[in-house]
Amino acid sequence: MVEVQFGVFGKIITGHNKGWYVKLEDDMDQSGGFYIYEMPNLEGDNGFDTWLESKEDIKSYFDECNWKIEWLIIVIPPIPKERYQIHCPRPLYLW
């Protein structure tokens, strides 16, 4: 079975558009299906999307593209303290 992860960027290691990035989104609540976003860079420039109706269609799409995907873990660094301020005009009491 093809390993897919939703909401995570992956790099296409083999197959169609090798070197590009891919991201799958579960959109069952809105469109009743799934989106596959393909893009040449992580900013999404000049990319495109494909809508598929089922998880079986996703497997077929991956097989047709002959894809092997390296799923990426992107860590967003914390905001430095000097870039944000906590403002509390009066003390907060919890009773």
PDB file of N, CA and C in Angstrom:
ATOM      1  N   MET A   1       0.845  -1.191   0.000  1.00  0.00           N
ATOM      2  CA  MET A   1       0.000   0.000   0.000  1.00  0.00           C
ATOM      3  C   MET A   1       0.883   1.243   0.000  1.00  0.00           C
ATOM      4  N   VAL A   2       0.467   2.220  -0.735  1.00  0.00           N
ATOM      5  CA  VAL A   2       1.170   3.488  -0.816  1.00  0.00           C
ATOM      6  C   VAL A   2       0.994   4.232   0.497  1.00  0.00           C
ATOM      7  N   GLU A   3       2.103   4.731   1.023  1.00  0.00           N
ATOM      8  CA  GLU A   3       2.033   5.525   2.262  1.00  0.00           C
ATOM      9  C   GLU A   3       1.705   6.959   1.893  1.00  0.00           C
ATOM     10  N   VAL A   4       0.583   7.451   2.424  1.00  0.00           N
ATOM     11  CA  VAL A   4       0.225   8.848   2.211  1.00  0.00           C
ATOM     12  C   VAL A   4       0.028   9.515   3.561  1.00  0.00           C
ATOM     13  N   GLN A   5       0.349  10.785   3.607  1.00  0.00           N
ATOM     14  CA  GLN A   5       0.137  11.578   4.812  1.00  0.00           C
ATOM     15  C   GLN A   5      -0.591  12.847   4.398  1.00  0.00           C
ATOM     16  N   PHE A   6      -1.601  13.187   5.149  1.00  0.00           N
ATOM     17  CA  PHE A   6      -2.393  14.374   4.847  1.00  0.00           C
ATOM     18  C   PHE A   6      -1.868  15.573   5.631  1.00  0.00           C
ATOM     19  N   GLY A   7      -1.850  16.736   4.961  1.00  0.00           N
ATOM     20  CA  GLY A   7      -1.440  17.971   5.608  1.00  0.00           C
ATOM     21  C   GLY A   7       0.057  18.108   5.818  1.00  0.00           C
ATOM     22  N   VAL A   8       0.838  17.242   5.173  1.00  0.00           N
ATOM     23  CA  VAL A   8       2.290  17.236   5.329  1.00  0.00           C
ATOM     24  C   VAL A   8       2.920  17.359   3.941  1.00  0.00           C
ATOM     25  N   PHE A   9       3.966  18.161   3.827  1.00  0.00           N
ATOM     26  CA  PHE A   9       4.682  18.240   2.557  1.00  0.00           C
ATOM     27  C   PHE A   9       5.548  16.999   2.375  1.00  0.00           C
ATOM     28  N   GLY A  10       5.660  16.587   1.125  1.00  0.00           N
ATOM     29  CA  GLY A  10       6.552  15.491   0.775  1.00  0.00           C
ATOM     30  C   GLY A  10       7.317  15.856  -0.478  1.00  0.00           C
ATOM     31  N   LYS A  11       8.505  15.311  -0.611  1.00  0.00           N
ATOM     32  CA  LYS A  11       9.303  15.537  -1.819  1.00  0.00           C
ATOM     33  C   LYS A  11       9.188  14.307  -2.699  1.00  0.00           C
ATOM     34  N   ILE A  12       8.918  14.530  -3.979  1.00  0.00           N
ATOM     35  CA  ILE A  12       8.797  13.430  -4.934  1.00  0.00           C
ATOM     36  C   ILE A  12      10.203  12.946  -5.262  1.00  0.00           C
ATOM     37  N   ILE A  13      10.506  11.706  -4.859  1.00  0.00           N
ATOM     38  CA  ILE A  13      11.843  11.132  -5.034  1.00  0.00           C
ATOM     39  C   ILE A  13      11.973  10.426  -6.377  1.00  0.00           C
ATOM     40  N   THR A  14      10.921   9.729  -6.806  1.00  0.00           N
ATOM     41  CA  THR A  14      10.925   9.059  -8.105  1.00  0.00           C
ATOM     42  C   THR A  14       9.587   9.295  -8.791  1.00  0.00           C
ATOM     43  N   GLY A  15       9.607   9.224 -10.110  1.00  0.00           N
ATOM     44  CA  GLY A  15       8.384   9.314 -10.885  1.00  0.00           C
ATOM     45  C   GLY A  15       8.161  10.684 -11.498  1.00  0.00           C
ATOM     46  N   HIS A  16       6.914  10.901 -11.924  1.00  0.00           N
ATOM     47  CA  HIS A  16       6.519  12.139 -12.587  1.00  0.00           C
ATOM     48  C   HIS A  16       6.778  13.350 -11.685  1.00  0.00           C
ATOM     49  N   ASN A  17       7.353  14.385 -12.258  1.00  0.00           N
ATOM     50  CA  ASN A  17       7.713  15.611 -11.532  1.00  0.00           C
ATOM     51  C   ASN A  17       8.698  15.362 -10.392  1.00  0.00           C
ATOM     52  N   LYS A  18       9.631  14.458 -10.625  1.00  0.00           N
ATOM     53  CA  LYS A  18      10.682  14.175  -9.639  1.00  0.00           C
ATOM     54  C   LYS A  18      11.357  15.478  -9.205  1.00  0.00           C
ATOM     55  N   GLY A  19      11.544  15.621  -7.875  1.00  0.00           N
ATOM     56  CA  GLY A  19      12.156  16.817  -7.317  1.00  0.00           C
ATOM     57  C   GLY A  19      11.141  17.855  -6.868  1.00  0.00           C
ATOM     58  N   TRP A  20       9.905  17.710  -7.296  1.00  0.00           N
ATOM     59  CA  TRP A  20       8.835  18.610  -6.877  1.00  0.00           C
ATOM     60  C   TRP A  20       8.354  18.208  -5.487  1.00  0.00           C
ATOM     61  N   TYR A  21       7.429  18.996  -4.969  1.00  0.00           N
ATOM     62  CA  TYR A  21       6.828  18.738  -3.667  1.00  0.00           C
ATOM     63  C   TYR A  21       5.344  18.457  -3.844  1.00  0.00           C
ATOM     64  N   VAL A  22       4.812  17.725  -2.897  1.00  0.00           N
ATOM     65  CA  VAL A  22       3.412  17.331  -2.933  1.00  0.00           C
ATOM     66  C   VAL A  22       2.818  17.487  -1.540  1.00  0.00           C
ATOM     67  N   LYS A  23       1.536  17.817  -1.496  1.00  0.00           N
ATOM     68  CA  LYS A  23       0.820  17.903  -0.228  1.00  0.00           C
ATOM     69  C   LYS A  23      -0.605  17.427  -0.471  1.00  0.00           C
ATOM     70  N   LEU A  24      -1.101  16.555   0.379  1.00  0.00           N
ATOM     71  CA  LEU A  24      -2.460  16.036   0.272  1.00  0.00           C
ATOM     72  C   LEU A  24      -3.330  16.661   1.342  1.00  0.00           C
ATOM     73  N   GLU A  25      -4.543  17.031   0.945  1.00  0.00           N
ATOM     74  CA  GLU A  25      -5.493  17.606   1.890  1.00  0.00           C
ATOM     75  C   GLU A  25      -6.803  16.830   1.818  1.00  0.00           C
ATOM     76  N   ASP A  26      -7.311  16.455   2.981  1.00  0.00           N
ATOM     77  CA  ASP A  26      -8.615  15.813   3.090  1.00  0.00           C
ATOM     78  C   ASP A  26      -9.669  16.914   3.075  1.00  0.00           C
ATOM     79  N   ASP A  27     -10.464  16.964   2.021  1.00  0.00           N
ATOM     80  CA  ASP A  27     -11.471  18.004   1.870  1.00  0.00           C
ATOM     81  C   ASP A  27     -12.878  17.397   1.808  1.00  0.00           C
ATOM     82  N   MET A  28     -13.057  16.273   2.482  1.00  0.00           N
ATOM     83  CA  MET A  28     -14.337  15.567   2.449  1.00  0.00           C
ATOM     84  C   MET A  28     -15.488  16.444   2.938  1.00  0.00           C
ATOM     85  N   ASP A  29     -15.236  17.285   3.932  1.00  0.00           N
ATOM     86  CA  ASP A  29     -16.301  18.128   4.481  1.00  0.00           C
ATOM     87  C   ASP A  29     -16.786  19.184   3.491  1.00  0.00           C
ATOM     88  N   GLN A  30     -15.907  19.677   2.641  1.00  0.00           N
ATOM     89  CA  GLN A  30     -16.279  20.752   1.716  1.00  0.00           C
ATOM     90  C   GLN A  30     -16.628  20.229   0.321  1.00  0.00           C
ATOM     91  N   SER A  31     -15.696  19.502  -0.289  1.00  0.00           N
ATOM     92  CA  SER A  31     -15.880  19.096  -1.687  1.00  0.00           C
ATOM     93  C   SER A  31     -16.258  17.621  -1.838  1.00  0.00           C
ATOM     94  N   GLY A  32     -16.145  16.876  -0.744  1.00  0.00           N
ATOM     95  CA  GLY A  32     -16.455  15.451  -0.821  1.00  0.00           C
ATOM     96  C   GLY A  32     -15.318  14.607  -1.365  1.00  0.00           C
ATOM     97  N   GLY A  33     -14.102  15.160  -1.336  1.00  0.00           N
ATOM     98  CA  GLY A  33     -12.963  14.416  -1.868  1.00  0.00           C
ATOM     99  C   GLY A  33     -11.646  14.871  -1.278  1.00  0.00           C
ATOM    100  N   PHE A  34     -10.601  14.715  -2.062  1.00  0.00           N
ATOM    101  CA  PHE A  34      -9.239  14.980  -1.616  1.00  0.00           C
ATOM    102  C   PHE A  34      -8.512  15.815  -2.672  1.00  0.00           C
ATOM    103  N   TYR A  35      -7.633  16.699  -2.206  1.00  0.00           N
ATOM    104  CA  TYR A  35      -6.786  17.474  -3.111  1.00  0.00           C
ATOM    105  C   TYR A  35      -5.347  16.993  -2.990  1.00  0.00           C
ATOM    106  N   ILE A  36      -4.688  16.901  -4.142  1.00  0.00           N
ATOM    107  CA  ILE A  36      -3.243  16.682  -4.195  1.00  0.00           C
ATOM    108  C   ILE A  36      -2.654  17.943  -4.825  1.00  0.00           C
ATOM    109  N   TYR A  37      -1.830  18.637  -4.067  1.00  0.00           N
ATOM    110  CA  TYR A  37      -1.156  19.840  -4.561  1.00  0.00           C
ATOM    111  C   TYR A  37       0.255  19.453  -4.964  1.00  0.00           C
ATOM    112  N   GLU A  38       0.639  19.788  -6.192  1.00  0.00           N
ATOM    113  CA  GLU A  38       1.990  19.533  -6.696  1.00  0.00           C
ATOM    114  C   GLU A  38       2.643  20.876  -7.009  1.00  0.00           C
ATOM    115  N   MET A  39       3.884  21.054  -6.549  1.00  0.00           N
ATOM    116  CA  MET A  39       4.556  22.335  -6.723  1.00  0.00           C
ATOM    117  C   MET A  39       6.069  22.140  -6.833  1.00  0.00           C
ATOM    118  N   PRO A  40       6.741  23.000  -7.622  1.00  0.00           N
ATOM    119  CA  PRO A  40       8.183  22.849  -7.782  1.00  0.00           C
ATOM    120  C   PRO A  40       8.995  23.311  -6.577  1.00  0.00           C
ATOM    121  N   ASN A  41       8.356  24.064  -5.662  1.00  0.00           N
ATOM    122  CA  ASN A  41       9.053  24.525  -4.455  1.00  0.00           C
ATOM    123  C   ASN A  41       8.050  24.596  -3.307  1.00  0.00           C
ATOM    124  N   LEU A  42       8.536  24.753  -2.111  1.00  0.00           N
ATOM    125  CA  LEU A  42       7.659  24.764  -0.934  1.00  0.00           C
ATOM    126  C   LEU A  42       6.804  26.025  -0.829  1.00  0.00           C
ATOM    127  N   GLU A  43       7.124  27.053  -1.609  1.00  0.00           N
ATOM    128  CA  GLU A  43       6.307  28.265  -1.617  1.00  0.00           C
ATOM    129  C   GLU A  43       5.047  28.077  -2.452  1.00  0.00           C
ATOM    130  N   GLY A  44       4.994  27.033  -3.261  1.00  0.00           N
ATOM    131  CA  GLY A  44       3.814  26.755  -4.067  1.00  0.00           C
ATOM    132  C   GLY A  44       3.777  27.467  -5.407  1.00  0.00           C
ATOM    133  N   ASP A  45       4.875  28.096  -5.791  1.00  0.00           N
ATOM    134  CA  ASP A  45       4.927  28.811  -7.068  1.00  0.00           C
ATOM    135  C   ASP A  45       4.744  27.846  -8.240  1.00  0.00           C
ATOM    136  N   ASN A  46       3.904  28.254  -9.194  1.00  0.00           N
ATOM    137  CA  ASN A  46       3.701  27.514 -10.439  1.00  0.00           C
ATOM    138  C   ASN A  46       3.261  26.068 -10.239  1.00  0.00           C
ATOM    139  N   GLY A  47       2.559  25.828  -9.160  1.00  0.00           N
ATOM    140  CA  GLY A  47       2.056  24.490  -8.908  1.00  0.00           C
ATOM    141  C   GLY A  47       0.639  24.319  -9.426  1.00  0.00           C
ATOM    142  N   PHE A  48       0.082  23.163  -9.170  1.00  0.00           N
ATOM    143  CA  PHE A  48      -1.289  22.880  -9.571  1.00  0.00           C
ATOM    144  C   PHE A  48      -1.887  21.868  -8.610  1.00  0.00           C
ATOM    145  N   ASP A  49      -3.201  21.707  -8.699  1.00  0.00           N
ATOM    146  CA  ASP A  49      -3.845  20.734  -7.830  1.00  0.00           C
ATOM    147  C   ASP A  49      -4.680  19.768  -8.643  1.00  0.00           C
ATOM    148  N   THR A  50      -4.935  18.618  -8.036  1.00  0.00           N
ATOM    149  CA  THR A  50      -5.786  17.584  -8.607  1.00  0.00           C
ATOM    150  C   THR A  50      -6.784  17.181  -7.543  1.00  0.00           C
ATOM    151  N   TRP A  51      -8.055  17.098  -7.925  1.00  0.00           N
ATOM    152  CA  TRP A  51      -9.099  16.666  -7.000  1.00  0.00           C
ATOM    153  C   TRP A  51      -9.422  15.209  -7.276  1.00  0.00           C
ATOM    154  N   LEU A  52      -9.488  14.419  -6.202  1.00  0.00           N
ATOM    155  CA  LEU A  52      -9.817  13.001  -6.318  1.00  0.00           C
ATOM    156  C   LEU A  52     -10.944  12.670  -5.359  1.00  0.00           C
ATOM    157  N   GLU A  53     -11.756  11.702  -5.743  1.00  0.00           N
ATOM    158  CA  GLU A  53     -12.967  11.401  -4.993  1.00  0.00           C
ATOM    159  C   GLU A  53     -12.755  10.466  -3.808  1.00  0.00           C
ATOM    160  N   SER A  54     -11.753   9.581  -3.876  1.00  0.00           N
ATOM    161  CA  SER A  54     -11.612   8.569  -2.821  1.00  0.00           C
ATOM    162  C   SER A  54     -10.143   8.282  -2.534  1.00  0.00           C
ATOM    163  N   LYS A  55      -9.919   7.584  -1.412  1.00  0.00           N
ATOM    164  CA  LYS A  55      -8.551   7.175  -1.068  1.00  0.00           C
ATOM    165  C   LYS A  55      -8.029   6.158  -2.075  1.00  0.00           C
ATOM    166  N   GLU A  56      -8.913   5.350  -2.649  1.00  0.00           N
ATOM    167  CA  GLU A  56      -8.498   4.407  -3.694  1.00  0.00           C
ATOM    168  C   GLU A  56      -7.985   5.170  -4.926  1.00  0.00           C
ATOM    169  N   ASP A  57      -8.648   6.309  -5.230  1.00  0.00           N
ATOM    170  CA  ASP A  57      -8.192   7.138  -6.345  1.00  0.00           C
ATOM    171  C   ASP A  57      -6.808   7.719  -6.073  1.00  0.00           C
ATOM    172  N   ILE A  58      -6.533   8.045  -4.806  1.00  0.00           N
ATOM    173  CA  ILE A  58      -5.202   8.558  -4.441  1.00  0.00           C
ATOM    174  C   ILE A  58      -4.152   7.491  -4.720  1.00  0.00           C
ATOM    175  N   LYS A  59      -4.425   6.255  -4.303  1.00  0.00           N
ATOM    176  CA  LYS A  59      -3.483   5.156  -4.559  1.00  0.00           C
ATOM    177  C   LYS A  59      -3.246   4.988  -6.055  1.00  0.00           C
ATOM    178  N   SER A  60      -4.317   5.018  -6.838  1.00  0.00           N
ATOM    179  CA  SER A  60      -4.189   4.886  -8.291  1.00  0.00           C
ATOM    180  C   SER A  60      -3.363   6.026  -8.885  1.00  0.00           C
ATOM    181  N   TYR A  61      -3.573   7.249  -8.388  1.00  0.00           N
ATOM    182  CA  TYR A  61      -2.833   8.415  -8.870  1.00  0.00           C
ATOM    183  C   TYR A  61      -1.345   8.259  -8.565  1.00  0.00           C
ATOM    184  N   PHE A  62      -1.035   7.843  -7.334  1.00  0.00           N
ATOM    185  CA  PHE A  62       0.368   7.626  -6.963  1.00  0.00           C
ATOM    186  C   PHE A  62       0.992   6.540  -7.834  1.00  0.00           C
ATOM    187  N   ASP A  63       0.251   5.452  -8.069  1.00  0.00           N
ATOM    188  CA  ASP A  63       0.770   4.362  -8.905  1.00  0.00           C
ATOM    189  C   ASP A  63       1.004   4.842 -10.338  1.00  0.00           C
ATOM    190  N   GLU A  64       0.042   5.601 -10.880  1.00  0.00           N
ATOM    191  CA  GLU A  64       0.156   6.110 -12.246  1.00  0.00           C
ATOM    192  C   GLU A  64       1.358   7.034 -12.393  1.00  0.00           C
ATOM    193  N   CYS A  65       1.613   7.841 -11.366  1.00  0.00           N
ATOM    194  CA  CYS A  65       2.758   8.769 -11.391  1.00  0.00           C
ATOM    195  C   CYS A  65       4.067   8.074 -11.035  1.00  0.00           C
ATOM    196  N   ASN A  66       3.975   6.814 -10.571  1.00  0.00           N
ATOM    197  CA  ASN A  66       5.163   6.043 -10.170  1.00  0.00           C
ATOM    198  C   ASN A  66       5.939   6.770  -9.078  1.00  0.00           C
ATOM    199  N   TRP A  67       5.199   7.285  -8.096  1.00  0.00           N
ATOM    200  CA  TRP A  67       5.788   8.110  -7.059  1.00  0.00           C
ATOM    201  C   TRP A  67       6.318   7.315  -5.883  1.00  0.00           C
ATOM    202  N   LYS A  68       7.471   7.766  -5.421  1.00  0.00           N
ATOM    203  CA  LYS A  68       7.975   7.452  -4.087  1.00  0.00           C
ATOM    204  C   LYS A  68       8.150   8.821  -3.441  1.00  0.00           C
ATOM    205  N   ILE A  69       7.534   8.999  -2.272  1.00  0.00           N
ATOM    206  CA  ILE A  69       7.532  10.306  -1.606  1.00  0.00           C
ATOM    207  C   ILE A  69       8.322  10.228  -0.312  1.00  0.00           C
ATOM    208  N   GLU A  70       9.179  11.209  -0.102  1.00  0.00           N
ATOM    209  CA  GLU A  70       9.862  11.382   1.189  1.00  0.00           C
ATOM    210  C   GLU A  70       9.073  12.438   1.947  1.00  0.00           C
ATOM    211  N   TRP A  71       8.341  12.001   2.963  1.00  0.00           N
ATOM    212  CA  TRP A  71       7.508  12.926   3.735  1.00  0.00           C
ATOM    213  C   TRP A  71       8.397  13.767   4.635  1.00  0.00           C
ATOM    214  N   LEU A  72       8.168  15.067   4.630  1.00  0.00           N
ATOM    215  CA  LEU A  72       9.023  16.018   5.336  1.00  0.00           C
ATOM    216  C   LEU A  72       8.389  16.437   6.649  1.00  0.00           C
ATOM    217  N   ILE A  73       9.226  16.619   7.626  1.00  0.00           N
ATOM    218  CA  ILE A  73       8.802  17.213   8.884  1.00  0.00           C
ATOM    219  C   ILE A  73       9.416  18.602   8.895  1.00  0.00           C
ATOM    220  N   ILE A  74       8.564  19.606   8.813  1.00  0.00           N
ATOM    221  CA  ILE A  74       9.028  20.989   8.779  1.00  0.00           C
ATOM    222  C   ILE A  74       8.827  21.581  10.167  1.00  0.00           C
ATOM    223  N   VAL A  75       9.917  21.992  10.766  1.00  0.00           N
ATOM    224  CA  VAL A  75       9.867  22.566  12.100  1.00  0.00           C
ATOM    225  C   VAL A  75       9.877  24.084  11.971  1.00  0.00           C
ATOM    226  N   ILE A  76       8.875  24.712  12.537  1.00  0.00           N
ATOM    227  CA  ILE A  76       8.813  26.171  12.541  1.00  0.00           C
ATOM    228  C   ILE A  76       9.472  26.652  13.824  1.00  0.00           C
ATOM    229  N   PRO A  77      10.544  27.435  13.702  1.00  0.00           N
ATOM    230  CA  PRO A  77      11.246  27.878  14.910  1.00  0.00           C
ATOM    231  C   PRO A  77      10.371  28.802  15.749  1.00  0.00           C
ATOM    232  N   PRO A  78      10.601  28.822  17.049  1.00  0.00           N
ATOM    233  CA  PRO A  78       9.826  29.714  17.915  1.00  0.00           C
ATOM    234  C   PRO A  78      10.134  31.179  17.601  1.00  0.00           C
ATOM    235  N   ILE A  79       9.183  32.030  17.894  1.00  0.00           N
ATOM    236  CA  ILE A  79       9.366  33.470  17.692  1.00  0.00           C
ATOM    237  C   ILE A  79      10.279  33.988  18.799  1.00  0.00           C
ATOM    238  N   PRO A  80      11.347  34.712  18.440  1.00  0.00           N
ATOM    239  CA  PRO A  80      12.230  35.264  19.477  1.00  0.00           C
ATOM    240  C   PRO A  80      11.456  36.216  20.384  1.00  0.00           C
ATOM    241  N   LYS A  81      11.824  36.242  21.655  1.00  0.00           N
ATOM    242  CA  LYS A  81      11.124  37.065  22.635  1.00  0.00           C
ATOM    243  C   LYS A  81      11.097  38.538  22.261  1.00  0.00           C
ATOM    244  N   GLU A  82      12.145  39.016  21.618  1.00  0.00           N
ATOM    245  CA  GLU A  82      12.176  40.433  21.266  1.00  0.00           C
ATOM    246  C   GLU A  82      11.186  40.781  20.142  1.00  0.00           C
ATOM    247  N   ARG A  83      10.577  39.792  19.504  1.00  0.00           N
ATOM    248  CA  ARG A  83       9.636  40.062  18.410  1.00  0.00           C
ATOM    249  C   ARG A  83       8.179  40.060  18.848  1.00  0.00           C
ATOM    250  N   TYR A  84       7.918  39.751  20.094  1.00  0.00           N
ATOM    251  CA  TYR A  84       6.537  39.809  20.547  1.00  0.00           C
ATOM    252  C   TYR A  84       6.480  40.384  21.951  1.00  0.00           C
ATOM    253  N   GLN A  85       5.318  40.900  22.297  1.00  0.00           N
ATOM    254  CA  GLN A  85       5.115  41.464  23.626  1.00  0.00           C
ATOM    255  C   GLN A  85       3.827  40.901  24.192  1.00  0.00           C
ATOM    256  N   ILE A  86       3.841  40.681  25.457  1.00  0.00           N
ATOM    257  CA  ILE A  86       2.623  40.284  26.143  1.00  0.00           C
ATOM    258  C   ILE A  86       2.127  41.518  26.866  1.00  0.00           C
ATOM    259  N   HIS A  87       0.910  41.914  26.554  1.00  0.00           N
ATOM    260  CA  HIS A  87       0.362  43.127  27.139  1.00  0.00           C
ATOM    261  C   HIS A  87      -0.861  42.759  27.972  1.00  0.00           C
ATOM    262  N   CYS A  88      -0.806  43.068  29.219  1.00  0.00           N
ATOM    263  CA  CYS A  88      -1.936  42.842  30.115  1.00  0.00           C
ATOM    264  C   CYS A  88      -2.112  44.117  30.925  1.00  0.00           C
ATOM    265  N   PRO A  89      -3.131  44.938  30.602  1.00  0.00           N
ATOM    266  CA  PRO A  89      -3.284  46.231  31.268  1.00  0.00           C
ATOM    267  C   PRO A  89      -3.630  46.127  32.740  1.00  0.00           C
ATOM    268  N   ARG A  90      -4.207  45.035  33.165  1.00  0.00           N
ATOM    269  CA  ARG A  90      -4.520  44.866  34.579  1.00  0.00           C
ATOM    270  C   ARG A  90      -4.361  43.393  34.928  1.00  0.00           C
ATOM    271  N   PRO A  91      -4.187  43.104  36.171  1.00  0.00           N
ATOM    272  CA  PRO A  91      -3.990  41.697  36.560  1.00  0.00           C
ATOM    273  C   PRO A  91      -5.227  40.843  36.216  1.00  0.00           C
ATOM    274  N   LEU A  92      -4.968  39.629  35.875  1.00  0.00           N
ATOM    275  CA  LEU A  92      -6.031  38.687  35.567  1.00  0.00           C
ATOM    276  C   LEU A  92      -6.220  37.789  36.777  1.00  0.00           C
ATOM    277  N   TYR A  93      -7.420  37.761  37.308  1.00  0.00           N
ATOM    278  CA  TYR A  93      -7.723  36.934  38.487  1.00  0.00           C
ATOM    279  C   TYR A  93      -8.667  35.807  38.070  1.00  0.00           C
ATOM    280  N   LEU A  94      -8.330  34.637  38.459  1.00  0.00           N
ATOM    281  CA  LEU A  94      -9.185  33.482  38.223  1.00  0.00           C
ATOM    282  C   LEU A  94      -9.787  33.054  39.550  1.00  0.00           C
ATOM    283  N   TRP A  95     -11.078  33.014  39.644  1.00  0.00           N
ATOM    284  CA  TRP A  95     -11.729  32.682  40.886  1.00  0.00           C
ATOM    285  C   TRP A  95     -12.174  31.241  40.911  1.00  0.00           C
TER     286      TRP A  95
END
